[in-house]
Amino acid sequence: MGGFGTHPYVTTLQEPCYVTMATITFDTHKFIRRLKESGIPETQAEAIAEAFRDAHIEADLATKADLRELEYRLVIKLGGMMMASVAVVAALVKLL
């Protein structure tokens, strides 16, 4: 099976395998079945599916939740900077 069964997420090609990567769910069984239906030999379909899965596992993808958290942190930092600048301006006005 070309090392396909050695991956912790994959048991056999007959059982569906769902790998969740960030927000991407990858059904290896369905992927291989579609490749085979399009005329690609099973060994090549398995190799393509393994490469595709590995590429997504190694990719450092940001989820929507990650982006929301980043936005929240940026809003807090920007708010803090605005408060600090208002305080500096107020202090300068008092001094002048």
Protein backbone atom coordinates (compact mmCIF):
# COMPACT_ATOMS: atom_id res chain seq x y z
CA MET A 1 0.00 0.00 0.00
CA GLY A 2 2.96 2.35 -0.40
CA GLY A 3 3.25 3.31 3.27
CA PHE A 4 -0.34 4.50 3.25
CA GLY A 5 -1.37 2.37 6.22
CA THR A 6 1.52 3.62 8.35
CA HIS A 7 0.02 7.07 8.88
CA PRO A 8 -1.80 7.39 12.25
CA TYR A 9 -4.96 8.70 10.56
CA VAL A 10 -5.25 5.90 8.02
CA THR A 11 -6.21 2.32 8.82
CA THR A 12 -7.12 0.73 5.48
CA LEU A 13 -8.25 2.00 2.13
CA GLN A 14 -11.63 0.34 2.63
CA GLU A 15 -12.50 2.47 5.69
CA PRO A 16 -13.19 6.20 5.33
CA CYS A 17 -10.57 8.33 7.03
CA TYR A 18 -11.26 11.88 8.08
CA VAL A 19 -8.28 14.11 8.77
CA THR A 20 -9.04 17.54 10.16
CA MET A 21 -6.44 20.18 9.35
CA ALA A 22 -7.35 23.64 10.48
CA THR A 23 -10.83 23.82 8.96
CA ILE A 24 -10.14 21.40 6.15
CA THR A 25 -11.60 17.91 6.43
CA PHE A 26 -10.03 15.48 3.99
CA ASP A 27 -11.73 12.15 3.26
CA THR A 28 -8.89 10.05 1.81
CA HIS A 29 -11.16 7.18 0.82
CA LYS A 30 -13.47 9.43 -1.21
CA PHE A 31 -10.48 11.22 -2.77
CA ILE A 32 -8.87 7.94 -3.87
CA ARG A 33 -12.20 6.62 -5.16
CA ARG A 34 -12.71 9.75 -7.31
CA LEU A 35 -9.20 9.50 -8.72
CA LYS A 36 -9.72 5.83 -9.57
CA GLU A 37 -13.07 6.60 -11.22
CA SER A 38 -11.32 9.14 -13.45
CA GLY A 39 -8.93 6.46 -14.71
CA ILE A 40 -5.93 6.89 -12.41
CA PRO A 41 -4.48 3.55 -11.23
CA GLU A 42 -5.03 2.76 -7.54
CA THR A 43 -1.34 2.93 -6.59
CA GLN A 44 -1.03 6.39 -8.15
CA ALA A 45 -4.30 7.51 -6.54
CA GLU A 46 -2.98 6.40 -3.15
CA ALA A 47 0.30 8.25 -3.69
CA ILE A 48 -1.52 11.43 -4.77
CA ALA A 49 -3.85 11.24 -1.76
CA GLU A 50 -0.92 10.72 0.61
CA ALA A 51 0.99 13.66 -0.87
CA PHE A 52 -2.10 15.87 -0.74
CA ARG A 53 -2.78 14.91 2.90
CA ASP A 54 0.86 15.45 3.91
CA ALA A 55 0.94 18.86 2.21
CA HIS A 56 -2.11 19.97 4.17
CA ILE A 57 -0.81 18.57 7.44
CA GLU A 58 2.47 20.45 7.00
CA ALA A 59 0.77 23.67 5.90
CA ASP A 60 0.42 26.30 8.56
CA LEU A 61 -3.11 27.47 7.83
CA ALA A 62 -5.01 30.11 9.76
CA THR A 63 -8.58 29.26 10.62
CA LYS A 64 -11.42 31.75 10.86
CA ALA A 65 -11.13 31.44 14.63
CA ASP A 66 -7.42 32.29 14.41
CA LEU A 67 -8.21 35.38 12.35
CA ARG A 68 -10.96 36.47 14.77
CA GLU A 69 -8.54 36.10 17.69
CA LEU A 70 -5.92 38.12 15.84
CA GLU A 71 -8.48 40.82 15.03
CA TYR A 72 -9.54 40.93 18.69
CA ARG A 73 -5.94 41.28 19.85
CA LEU A 74 -5.28 44.04 17.30
CA VAL A 75 -8.40 45.95 18.37
CA ILE A 76 -7.29 45.77 22.00
CA LYS A 77 -3.78 46.95 21.14
CA LEU A 78 -5.09 49.77 18.95
CA GLY A 79 -7.49 50.83 21.70
CA GLY A 80 -4.66 50.87 24.21
CA MET A 81 -2.49 52.95 21.88
CA MET A 82 -5.35 55.41 21.31
CA MET A 83 -5.90 55.77 25.07
CA ALA A 84 -2.19 56.34 25.61
CA SER A 85 -2.07 58.99 22.88
CA VAL A 86 -5.11 60.78 24.34
CA ALA A 87 -3.42 60.75 27.74
CA VAL A 88 -0.22 62.18 26.25
CA VAL A 89 -2.15 64.94 24.44
CA ALA A 90 -4.09 65.76 27.63
CA ALA A 91 -0.82 65.98 29.59
CA LEU A 92 0.71 68.26 26.94
CA VAL A 93 -2.36 70.52 26.96
CA LYS A 94 -2.08 70.87 30.76
CA LEU A 95 1.60 71.75 30.49
CA LEU A 96 1.04 74.41 27.88
